[in-house]
């Protein structure tokens, strides 16, 4: 389970639209992105990975959370094991 708490009282502007962009990486290296709106100055969000999903995905490996205000990232939190993935496109070689 991933539990996220926030308190944006120092950043709060009633004219701004806040949201969280949550990227979760699993033990099998799959990744998902979730977006959740922030409608209160403080609150929490829980992401649960249970039962067969937990076994298939091999648990939660790491996460990155970005606080978005009016379409731009204003803060980021990363799990200590988080690194950006380097993805390679398959290249066919005819040798």
PDB file of N, CA and C in Angstrom:
ATOM      1  N   UNK A   1       0.844  -1.172   0.000  1.00  0.00           N
ATOM      2  CA  UNK A   1       0.000   0.000   0.000  1.00  0.00           C
ATOM      3  C   UNK A   1       0.888   1.233   0.000  1.00  0.00           C
ATOM      4  N   UNK A   2       0.513   2.208  -0.770  1.00  0.00           N
ATOM      5  CA  UNK A   2       1.191   3.492  -0.831  1.00  0.00           C
ATOM      6  C   UNK A   2       0.224   4.537  -0.292  1.00  0.00           C
ATOM      7  N   UNK A   3       0.625   5.231   0.775  1.00  0.00           N
ATOM      8  CA  UNK A   3      -0.226   6.275   1.362  1.00  0.00           C
ATOM      9  C   UNK A   3       0.475   7.615   1.206  1.00  0.00           C
ATOM     10  N   UNK A   4      -0.237   8.575   0.652  1.00  0.00           N
ATOM     11  CA  UNK A   4       0.312   9.898   0.384  1.00  0.00           C
ATOM     12  C   UNK A   4      -0.483  10.914   1.206  1.00  0.00           C
ATOM     13  N   UNK A   5       0.236  11.728   1.966  1.00  0.00           N
ATOM     14  CA  UNK A   5      -0.373  12.808   2.738  1.00  0.00           C
ATOM     15  C   UNK A   5       0.126  14.138   2.184  1.00  0.00           C
ATOM     16  N   UNK A   6      -0.728  15.140   2.182  1.00  0.00           N
ATOM     17  CA  UNK A   6      -0.282  16.464   1.748  1.00  0.00           C
ATOM     18  C   UNK A   6      -0.868  17.546   2.632  1.00  0.00           C
ATOM     19  N   UNK A   7      -0.151  18.664   2.657  1.00  0.00           N
ATOM     20  CA  UNK A   7      -0.597  19.888   3.306  1.00  0.00           C
ATOM     21  C   UNK A   7      -0.045  21.025   2.450  1.00  0.00           C
ATOM     22  N   UNK A   8      -0.901  21.651   1.683  1.00  0.00           N
ATOM     23  CA  UNK A   8      -0.453  22.687   0.752  1.00  0.00           C
ATOM     24  C   UNK A   8      -0.884  24.082   1.212  1.00  0.00           C
ATOM     25  N   UNK A   9      -1.017  24.257   2.518  1.00  0.00           N
ATOM     26  CA  UNK A   9      -1.494  25.545   3.027  1.00  0.00           C
ATOM     27  C   UNK A   9      -0.575  26.696   2.626  1.00  0.00           C
ATOM     28  N   UNK A  10       0.750  26.454   2.550  1.00  0.00           N
ATOM     29  CA  UNK A  10       1.679  27.522   2.158  1.00  0.00           C
ATOM     30  C   UNK A  10       1.561  27.866   0.672  1.00  0.00           C
ATOM     31  N   UNK A  11       1.089  26.928  -0.128  1.00  0.00           N
ATOM     32  CA  UNK A  11       1.007  27.112  -1.575  1.00  0.00           C
ATOM     33  C   UNK A  11      -0.399  27.439  -2.059  1.00  0.00           C
ATOM     34  N   UNK A  12      -1.359  27.304  -1.172  1.00  0.00           N
ATOM     35  CA  UNK A  12      -2.760  27.350  -1.594  1.00  0.00           C
ATOM     36  C   UNK A  12      -3.143  28.706  -2.164  1.00  0.00           C
ATOM     37  N   UNK A  13      -3.797  28.643  -3.307  1.00  0.00           N
ATOM     38  CA  UNK A  13      -4.376  29.804  -3.955  1.00  0.00           C
ATOM     39  C   UNK A  13      -5.741  29.339  -4.452  1.00  0.00           C
ATOM     40  N   UNK A  14      -6.816  29.960  -4.028  1.00  0.00           N
ATOM     41  CA  UNK A  14      -8.149  29.466  -4.409  1.00  0.00           C
ATOM     42  C   UNK A  14      -8.397  29.449  -5.917  1.00  0.00           C
ATOM     43  N   UNK A  15      -7.605  30.203  -6.687  1.00  0.00           N
ATOM     44  CA  UNK A  15      -7.778  30.233  -8.136  1.00  0.00           C
ATOM     45  C   UNK A  15      -6.991  29.134  -8.837  1.00  0.00           C
ATOM     46  N   UNK A  16      -6.120  28.411  -8.118  1.00  0.00           N
ATOM     47  CA  UNK A  16      -5.292  27.371  -8.718  1.00  0.00           C
ATOM     48  C   UNK A  16      -5.992  26.019  -8.659  1.00  0.00           C
ATOM     49  N   UNK A  17      -5.654  25.174  -9.617  1.00  0.00           N
ATOM     50  CA  UNK A  17      -6.142  23.794  -9.636  1.00  0.00           C
ATOM     51  C   UNK A  17      -4.955  22.890  -9.331  1.00  0.00           C
ATOM     52  N   UNK A  18      -5.047  22.141  -8.232  1.00  0.00           N
ATOM     53  CA  UNK A  18      -3.972  21.253  -7.798  1.00  0.00           C
ATOM     54  C   UNK A  18      -4.335  19.804  -8.082  1.00  0.00           C
ATOM     55  N   UNK A  19      -3.307  19.012  -8.370  1.00  0.00           N
ATOM     56  CA  UNK A  19      -3.488  17.571  -8.519  1.00  0.00           C
ATOM     57  C   UNK A  19      -2.174  16.873  -8.221  1.00  0.00           C
ATOM     58  N   UNK A  20      -2.263  15.567  -8.016  1.00  0.00           N
ATOM     59  CA  UNK A  20      -1.079  14.734  -7.837  1.00  0.00           C
ATOM     60  C   UNK A  20      -0.943  13.832  -9.044  1.00  0.00           C
ATOM     61  N   UNK A  21       0.252  13.759  -9.613  1.00  0.00           N
ATOM     62  CA  UNK A  21       0.578  12.788 -10.653  1.00  0.00           C
ATOM     63  C   UNK A  21       1.454  11.741  -9.970  1.00  0.00           C
ATOM     64  N   UNK A  22       0.923  10.536  -9.854  1.00  0.00           N
ATOM     65  CA  UNK A  22       1.577   9.459  -9.112  1.00  0.00           C
ATOM     66  C   UNK A  22       2.048   8.407 -10.110  1.00  0.00           C
ATOM     67  N   UNK A  23       3.335   8.127 -10.090  1.00  0.00           N
ATOM     68  CA  UNK A  23       3.895   7.070 -10.927  1.00  0.00           C
ATOM     69  C   UNK A  23       4.351   5.955 -10.005  1.00  0.00           C
ATOM     70  N   UNK A  24       3.805   4.761 -10.207  1.00  0.00           N
ATOM     71  CA  UNK A  24       4.133   3.609  -9.371  1.00  0.00           C
ATOM     72  C   UNK A  24       4.851   2.589 -10.245  1.00  0.00           C
ATOM     73  N   UNK A  25       6.025   2.148  -9.786  1.00  0.00           N
ATOM     74  CA  UNK A  25       6.764   1.093 -10.484  1.00  0.00           C
ATOM     75  C   UNK A  25       6.698  -0.171  -9.642  1.00  0.00           C
ATOM     76  N   UNK A  26       6.388  -1.265 -10.301  1.00  0.00           N
ATOM     77  CA  UNK A  26       6.236  -2.545  -9.625  1.00  0.00           C
ATOM     78  C   UNK A  26       7.512  -3.375  -9.739  1.00  0.00           C
ATOM     79  N   UNK A  27       7.577  -4.447  -8.971  1.00  0.00           N
ATOM     80  CA  UNK A  27       8.730  -5.331  -8.966  1.00  0.00           C
ATOM     81  C   UNK A  27       9.000  -5.981 -10.311  1.00  0.00           C
ATOM     82  N   UNK A  28       7.969  -6.141 -11.142  1.00  0.00           N
ATOM     83  CA  UNK A  28       8.162  -6.712 -12.475  1.00  0.00           C
ATOM     84  C   UNK A  28       8.511  -5.634 -13.510  1.00  0.00           C
ATOM     85  N   UNK A  29       8.780  -4.406 -13.028  1.00  0.00           N
ATOM     86  CA  UNK A  29       9.174  -3.228 -13.809  1.00  0.00           C
ATOM     87  C   UNK A  29       8.059  -2.621 -14.648  1.00  0.00           C
ATOM     88  N   UNK A  30       6.819  -3.090 -14.478  1.00  0.00           N
ATOM     89  CA  UNK A  30       5.680  -2.380 -15.071  1.00  0.00           C
ATOM     90  C   UNK A  30       5.529  -1.060 -14.332  1.00  0.00           C
ATOM     91  N   UNK A  31       4.917  -0.086 -14.998  1.00  0.00           N
ATOM     92  CA  UNK A  31       4.661   1.213 -14.397  1.00  0.00           C
ATOM     93  C   UNK A  31       3.251   1.652 -14.710  1.00  0.00           C
ATOM     94  N   UNK A  32       2.633   2.351 -13.769  1.00  0.00           N
ATOM     95  CA  UNK A  32       1.346   2.993 -14.031  1.00  0.00           C
ATOM     96  C   UNK A  32       1.434   4.442 -13.576  1.00  0.00           C
ATOM     97  N   UNK A  33       0.604   5.286 -14.168  1.00  0.00           N
ATOM     98  CA  UNK A  33       0.475   6.675 -13.737  1.00  0.00           C
ATOM     99  C   UNK A  33      -0.973   6.930 -13.365  1.00  0.00           C
ATOM    100  N   UNK A  34      -1.140   7.564 -12.227  1.00  0.00           N
ATOM    101  CA  UNK A  34      -2.462   7.925 -11.726  1.00  0.00           C
ATOM    102  C   UNK A  34      -2.482   9.431 -11.490  1.00  0.00           C
ATOM    103  N   UNK A  35      -3.618  10.047 -11.747  1.00  0.00           N
ATOM    104  CA  UNK A  35      -3.788  11.463 -11.443  1.00  0.00           C
ATOM    105  C   UNK A  35      -4.977  11.594 -10.513  1.00  0.00           C
ATOM    106  N   UNK A  36      -4.772  12.345  -9.440  1.00  0.00           N
ATOM    107  CA  UNK A  36      -5.883  12.575  -8.516  1.00  0.00           C
ATOM    108  C   UNK A  36      -5.962  14.067  -8.196  1.00  0.00           C
ATOM    109  N   UNK A  37      -7.137  14.651  -8.307  1.00  0.00           N
ATOM    110  CA  UNK A  37      -7.267  16.082  -7.982  1.00  0.00           C
ATOM    111  C   UNK A  37      -7.133  16.316  -6.483  1.00  0.00           C
ATOM    112  N   UNK A  38      -6.597  17.461  -6.131  1.00  0.00           N
ATOM    113  CA  UNK A  38      -6.518  17.880  -4.731  1.00  0.00           C
ATOM    114  C   UNK A  38      -7.568  18.968  -4.546  1.00  0.00           C
ATOM    115  N   UNK A  39      -8.532  18.679  -3.703  1.00  0.00           N
ATOM    116  CA  UNK A  39      -9.630  19.624  -3.503  1.00  0.00           C
ATOM    117  C   UNK A  39      -9.624  20.242  -2.114  1.00  0.00           C
ATOM    118  N   UNK A  40      -8.694  19.776  -1.259  1.00  0.00           N
ATOM    119  CA  UNK A  40      -8.582  20.302   0.111  1.00  0.00           C
ATOM    120  C   UNK A  40      -7.139  20.708   0.368  1.00  0.00           C
ATOM    121  N   UNK A  41      -6.941  21.612   1.303  1.00  0.00           N
ATOM    122  CA  UNK A  41      -5.594  22.073   1.649  1.00  0.00           C
ATOM    123  C   UNK A  41      -4.745  20.927   2.200  1.00  0.00           C
ATOM    124  N   UNK A  42      -5.359  20.026   2.930  1.00  0.00           N
ATOM    125  CA  UNK A  42      -4.634  18.863   3.435  1.00  0.00           C
ATOM    126  C   UNK A  42      -5.510  17.628   3.276  1.00  0.00           C
ATOM    127  N   UNK A  43      -4.849  16.502   3.122  1.00  0.00           N
ATOM    128  CA  UNK A  43      -5.598  15.268   2.936  1.00  0.00           C
ATOM    129  C   UNK A  43      -4.666  14.104   2.684  1.00  0.00           C
ATOM    130  N   UNK A  44      -5.242  13.009   2.195  1.00  0.00           N
ATOM    131  CA  UNK A  44      -4.443  11.814   1.927  1.00  0.00           C
ATOM    132  C   UNK A  44      -5.055  11.039   0.760  1.00  0.00           C
ATOM    133  N   UNK A  45      -4.230  10.160   0.193  1.00  0.00           N
ATOM    134  CA  UNK A  45      -4.643   9.285  -0.900  1.00  0.00           C
ATOM    135  C   UNK A  45      -3.963   7.942  -0.679  1.00  0.00           C
ATOM    136  N   UNK A  46      -4.691   6.856  -0.886  1.00  0.00           N
ATOM    137  CA  UNK A  46      -4.120   5.519  -0.736  1.00  0.00           C
ATOM    138  C   UNK A  46      -4.212   4.763  -2.049  1.00  0.00           C
ATOM    139  N   UNK A  47      -3.094   4.132  -2.415  1.00  0.00           N
ATOM    140  CA  UNK A  47      -3.075   3.212  -3.547  1.00  0.00           C
ATOM    141  C   UNK A  47      -2.804   1.834  -2.967  1.00  0.00           C
ATOM    142  N   UNK A  48      -3.685   0.885  -3.250  1.00  0.00           N
ATOM    143  CA  UNK A  48      -3.539  -0.480  -2.718  1.00  0.00           C
ATOM    144  C   UNK A  48      -3.288  -1.464  -3.857  1.00  0.00           C
ATOM    145  N   UNK A  49      -2.326  -2.322  -3.630  1.00  0.00           N
ATOM    146  CA  UNK A  49      -2.025  -3.410  -4.549  1.00  0.00           C
ATOM    147  C   UNK A  49      -2.211  -4.687  -3.747  1.00  0.00           C
ATOM    148  N   UNK A  50      -3.243  -5.451  -4.069  1.00  0.00           N
ATOM    149  CA  UNK A  50      -3.599  -6.584  -3.215  1.00  0.00           C
ATOM    150  C   UNK A  50      -3.719  -7.887  -3.995  1.00  0.00           C
ATOM    151  N   UNK A  51      -3.664  -8.965  -3.246  1.00  0.00           N
ATOM    152  CA  UNK A  51      -3.954 -10.320  -3.708  1.00  0.00           C
ATOM    153  C   UNK A  51      -3.216 -10.690  -4.994  1.00  0.00           C
ATOM    154  N   UNK A  52      -3.963 -11.097  -6.026  1.00  0.00           N
ATOM    155  CA  UNK A  52      -3.324 -11.602  -7.243  1.00  0.00           C
ATOM    156  C   UNK A  52      -2.561 -10.493  -7.976  1.00  0.00           C
ATOM    157  N   UNK A  53      -3.046  -9.245  -7.921  1.00  0.00           N
ATOM    158  CA  UNK A  53      -2.297  -8.144  -8.535  1.00  0.00           C
ATOM    159  C   UNK A  53      -0.926  -7.997  -7.880  1.00  0.00           C
ATOM    160  N   UNK A  54      -0.886  -8.128  -6.556  1.00  0.00           N
ATOM    161  CA  UNK A  54       0.383  -8.024  -5.830  1.00  0.00           C
ATOM    162  C   UNK A  54       1.347  -9.123  -6.283  1.00  0.00           C
ATOM    163  N   UNK A  55       0.832 -10.335  -6.380  1.00  0.00           N
ATOM    164  CA  UNK A  55       1.687 -11.459  -6.795  1.00  0.00           C
ATOM    165  C   UNK A  55       2.151 -11.307  -8.241  1.00  0.00           C
ATOM    166  N   UNK A  56       1.262 -10.947  -9.133  1.00  0.00           N
ATOM    167  CA  UNK A  56       1.614 -10.810 -10.555  1.00  0.00           C
ATOM    168  C   UNK A  56       2.610  -9.668 -10.794  1.00  0.00           C
ATOM    169  N   UNK A  57       2.417  -8.578 -10.089  1.00  0.00           N
ATOM    170  CA  UNK A  57       3.264  -7.403 -10.294  1.00  0.00           C
ATOM    171  C   UNK A  57       4.507  -7.407  -9.403  1.00  0.00           C
ATOM    172  N   UNK A  58       4.584  -8.368  -8.481  1.00  0.00           N
ATOM    173  CA  UNK A  58       5.723  -8.531  -7.570  1.00  0.00           C
ATOM    174  C   UNK A  58       5.892  -7.330  -6.623  1.00  0.00           C
ATOM    175  N   UNK A  59       4.769  -6.778  -6.181  1.00  0.00           N
ATOM    176  CA  UNK A  59       4.787  -5.703  -5.191  1.00  0.00           C
ATOM    177  C   UNK A  59       5.137  -4.349  -5.784  1.00  0.00           C
ATOM    178  N   UNK A  60       5.186  -3.345  -4.906  1.00  0.00           N
ATOM    179  CA  UNK A  60       5.555  -1.989  -5.297  1.00  0.00           C
ATOM    180  C   UNK A  60       7.053  -1.835  -5.077  1.00  0.00           C
ATOM    181  N   UNK A  61       7.768  -1.453  -6.124  1.00  0.00           N
ATOM    182  CA  UNK A  61       9.212  -1.288  -6.040  1.00  0.00           C
ATOM    183  C   UNK A  61       9.584   0.144  -5.652  1.00  0.00           C
ATOM    184  N   UNK A  62       8.984   1.128  -6.312  1.00  0.00           N
ATOM    185  CA  UNK A  62       9.315   2.533  -6.055  1.00  0.00           C
ATOM    186  C   UNK A  62       8.181   3.402  -6.593  1.00  0.00           C
ATOM    187  N   UNK A  63       8.237   4.693  -6.277  1.00  0.00           N
ATOM    188  CA  UNK A  63       7.207   5.614  -6.743  1.00  0.00           C
ATOM    189  C   UNK A  63       7.777   7.010  -6.880  1.00  0.00           C
ATOM    190  N   UNK A  64       7.077   7.828  -7.661  1.00  0.00           N
ATOM    191  CA  UNK A  64       7.386   9.252  -7.789  1.00  0.00           C
ATOM    192  C   UNK A  64       6.055   9.989  -7.737  1.00  0.00           C
ATOM    193  N   UNK A  65       6.014  11.068  -6.986  1.00  0.00           N
ATOM    194  CA  UNK A  65       4.784  11.849  -6.844  1.00  0.00           C
ATOM    195  C   UNK A  65       5.098  13.294  -7.211  1.00  0.00           C
ATOM    196  N   UNK A  66       4.307  13.836  -8.122  1.00  0.00           N
ATOM    197  CA  UNK A  66       4.497  15.223  -8.543  1.00  0.00           C
ATOM    198  C   UNK A  66       3.260  16.031  -8.167  1.00  0.00           C
ATOM    199  N   UNK A  67       3.482  17.168  -7.530  1.00  0.00           N
ATOM    200  CA  UNK A  67       2.405  18.096  -7.204  1.00  0.00           C
ATOM    201  C   UNK A  67       2.279  19.059  -8.374  1.00  0.00           C
ATOM    202  N   UNK A  68       1.090  19.074  -8.967  1.00  0.00           N
ATOM    203  CA  UNK A  68       0.822  19.884 -10.152  1.00  0.00           C
ATOM    204  C   UNK A  68      -0.106  21.029  -9.756  1.00  0.00           C
ATOM    205  N   UNK A  69       0.238  22.229 -10.187  1.00  0.00           N
ATOM    206  CA  UNK A  69      -0.637  23.387  -9.985  1.00  0.00           C
ATOM    207  C   UNK A  69      -0.794  24.082 -11.329  1.00  0.00           C
ATOM    208  N   UNK A  70      -2.013  24.179 -11.777  1.00  0.00           N
ATOM    209  CA  UNK A  70      -2.318  24.835 -13.054  1.00  0.00           C
ATOM    210  C   UNK A  70      -1.478  24.291 -14.197  1.00  0.00           C
ATOM    211  N   UNK A  71      -1.296  22.976 -14.226  1.00  0.00           N
ATOM    212  CA  UNK A  71      -0.625  22.329 -15.336  1.00  0.00           C
ATOM    213  C   UNK A  71       0.891  22.267 -15.264  1.00  0.00           C
ATOM    214  N   UNK A  72       1.498  22.785 -14.197  1.00  0.00           N
ATOM    215  CA  UNK A  72       2.954  22.690 -14.098  1.00  0.00           C
ATOM    216  C   UNK A  72       3.379  22.067 -12.779  1.00  0.00           C
ATOM    217  N   UNK A  73       4.489  21.344 -12.818  1.00  0.00           N
ATOM    218  CA  UNK A  73       5.010  20.657 -11.633  1.00  0.00           C
ATOM    219  C   UNK A  73       5.618  21.697 -10.698  1.00  0.00           C
ATOM    220  N   UNK A  74       5.139  21.703  -9.447  1.00  0.00           N
ATOM    221  CA  UNK A  74       5.704  22.649  -8.486  1.00  0.00           C
ATOM    222  C   UNK A  74       6.503  21.962  -7.373  1.00  0.00           C
ATOM    223  N   UNK A  75       6.344  20.640  -7.239  1.00  0.00           N
ATOM    224  CA  UNK A  75       7.151  19.897  -6.273  1.00  0.00           C
ATOM    225  C   UNK A  75       7.114  18.416  -6.639  1.00  0.00           C
ATOM    226  N   UNK A  76       8.175  17.697  -6.252  1.00  0.00           N
ATOM    227  CA  UNK A  76       8.292  16.271  -6.563  1.00  0.00           C
ATOM    228  C   UNK A  76       8.850  15.541  -5.361  1.00  0.00           C
ATOM    229  N   UNK A  77       8.290  14.365  -5.086  1.00  0.00           N
ATOM    230  CA  UNK A  77       8.815  13.468  -4.054  1.00  0.00           C
ATOM    231  C   UNK A  77       9.114  12.143  -4.730  1.00  0.00           C
ATOM    232  N   UNK A  78      10.256  11.563  -4.380  1.00  0.00           N
ATOM    233  CA  UNK A  78      10.649  10.287  -4.967  1.00  0.00           C
ATOM    234  C   UNK A  78      11.007   9.296  -3.876  1.00  0.00           C
ATOM    235  N   UNK A  79      10.609   8.056  -4.091  1.00  0.00           N
ATOM    236  CA  UNK A  79      11.069   6.964  -3.239  1.00  0.00           C
ATOM    237  C   UNK A  79      12.583   6.896  -3.384  1.00  0.00           C
ATOM    238  N   UNK A  80      13.284   6.504  -2.327  1.00  0.00           N
ATOM    239  CA  UNK A  80      14.752   6.526  -2.375  1.00  0.00           C
ATOM    240  C   UNK A  80      15.336   5.592  -3.428  1.00  0.00           C
ATOM    241  N   UNK A  81      14.583   4.604  -3.896  1.00  0.00           N
ATOM    242  CA  UNK A  81      15.065   3.717  -4.956  1.00  0.00           C
ATOM    243  C   UNK A  81      14.617   4.150  -6.353  1.00  0.00           C
ATOM    244  N   UNK A  82      13.904   5.287  -6.439  1.00  0.00           N
ATOM    245  CA  UNK A  82      13.381   5.723  -7.731  1.00  0.00           C
ATOM    246  C   UNK A  82      14.524   6.178  -8.637  1.00  0.00           C
ATOM    247  N   UNK A  83      14.519   5.684  -9.867  1.00  0.00           N
ATOM    248  CA  UNK A  83      15.370   6.185 -10.943  1.00  0.00           C
ATOM    249  C   UNK A  83      14.525   6.181 -12.204  1.00  0.00           C
ATOM    250  N   UNK A  84      14.819   7.101 -13.107  1.00  0.00           N
ATOM    251  CA  UNK A  84      14.108   7.099 -14.375  1.00  0.00           C
ATOM    252  C   UNK A  84      14.565   5.878 -15.169  1.00  0.00           C
ATOM    253  N   UNK A  85      13.632   5.189 -15.804  1.00  0.00           N
ATOM    254  CA  UNK A  85      13.967   4.023 -16.603  1.00  0.00           C
ATOM    255  C   UNK A  85      14.577   4.457 -17.934  1.00  0.00           C
ATOM    256  N   UNK A  86      15.550   3.711 -18.363  1.00  0.00           N
ATOM    257  CA  UNK A  86      16.102   3.905 -19.699  1.00  0.00           C
ATOM    258  C   UNK A  86      15.499   2.812 -20.564  1.00  0.00           C
ATOM    259  N   UNK A  87      14.743   3.229 -21.552  1.00  0.00           N
ATOM    260  CA  UNK A  87      14.077   2.259 -22.411  1.00  0.00           C
ATOM    261  C   UNK A  87      14.764   2.217 -23.765  1.00  0.00           C
ATOM    262  N   UNK A  88      14.939   1.005 -24.271  1.00  0.00           N
ATOM    263  CA  UNK A  88      15.559   0.789 -25.564  1.00  0.00           C
ATOM    264  C   UNK A  88      14.509   0.277 -26.540  1.00  0.00           C
ATOM    265  N   UNK A  89      14.529   0.806 -27.731  1.00  0.00           N
ATOM    266  CA  UNK A  89      13.682   0.276 -28.783  1.00  0.00           C
ATOM    267  C   UNK A  89      14.385  -0.929 -29.381  1.00  0.00           C
ATOM    268  N   UNK A  90      13.609  -1.943 -29.717  1.00  0.00           N
ATOM    269  CA  UNK A  90      14.208  -3.115 -30.348  1.00  0.00           C
ATOM    270  C   UNK A  90      14.704  -2.740 -31.729  1.00  0.00           C
ATOM    271  N   UNK A  91      15.927  -3.099 -31.990  1.00  0.00           N
ATOM    272  CA  UNK A  91      16.516  -2.820 -33.296  1.00  0.00           C
ATOM    273  C   UNK A  91      16.832  -4.163 -33.945  1.00  0.00           C
ATOM    274  N   UNK A  92      16.318  -4.362 -35.115  1.00  0.00           N
ATOM    275  CA  UNK A  92      16.633  -5.617 -35.784  1.00  0.00           C
ATOM    276  C   UNK A  92      17.915  -5.447 -36.566  1.00  0.00           C
ATOM    277  N   UNK A  93      18.782  -6.391 -36.401  1.00  0.00           N
ATOM    278  CA  UNK A  93      20.037  -6.354 -37.130  1.00  0.00           C
ATOM    279  C   UNK A  93      20.139  -7.587 -37.994  1.00  0.00           C
ATOM    280  N   UNK A  94      20.484  -7.383 -39.185  1.00  0.00           N
ATOM    281  CA  UNK A  94      20.679  -8.503 -40.116  1.00  0.00           C
ATOM    282  C   UNK A  94      22.166  -8.672 -40.322  1.00  0.00           C
ATOM    283  N   UNK A  95      22.723  -9.577 -39.578  1.00  0.00           N
ATOM    284  CA  UNK A  95      24.158  -9.808 -39.688  1.00  0.00           C
ATOM    285  C   UNK A  95      24.448 -10.973 -40.587  1.00  0.00           C
TER     286      UNK A  95
END
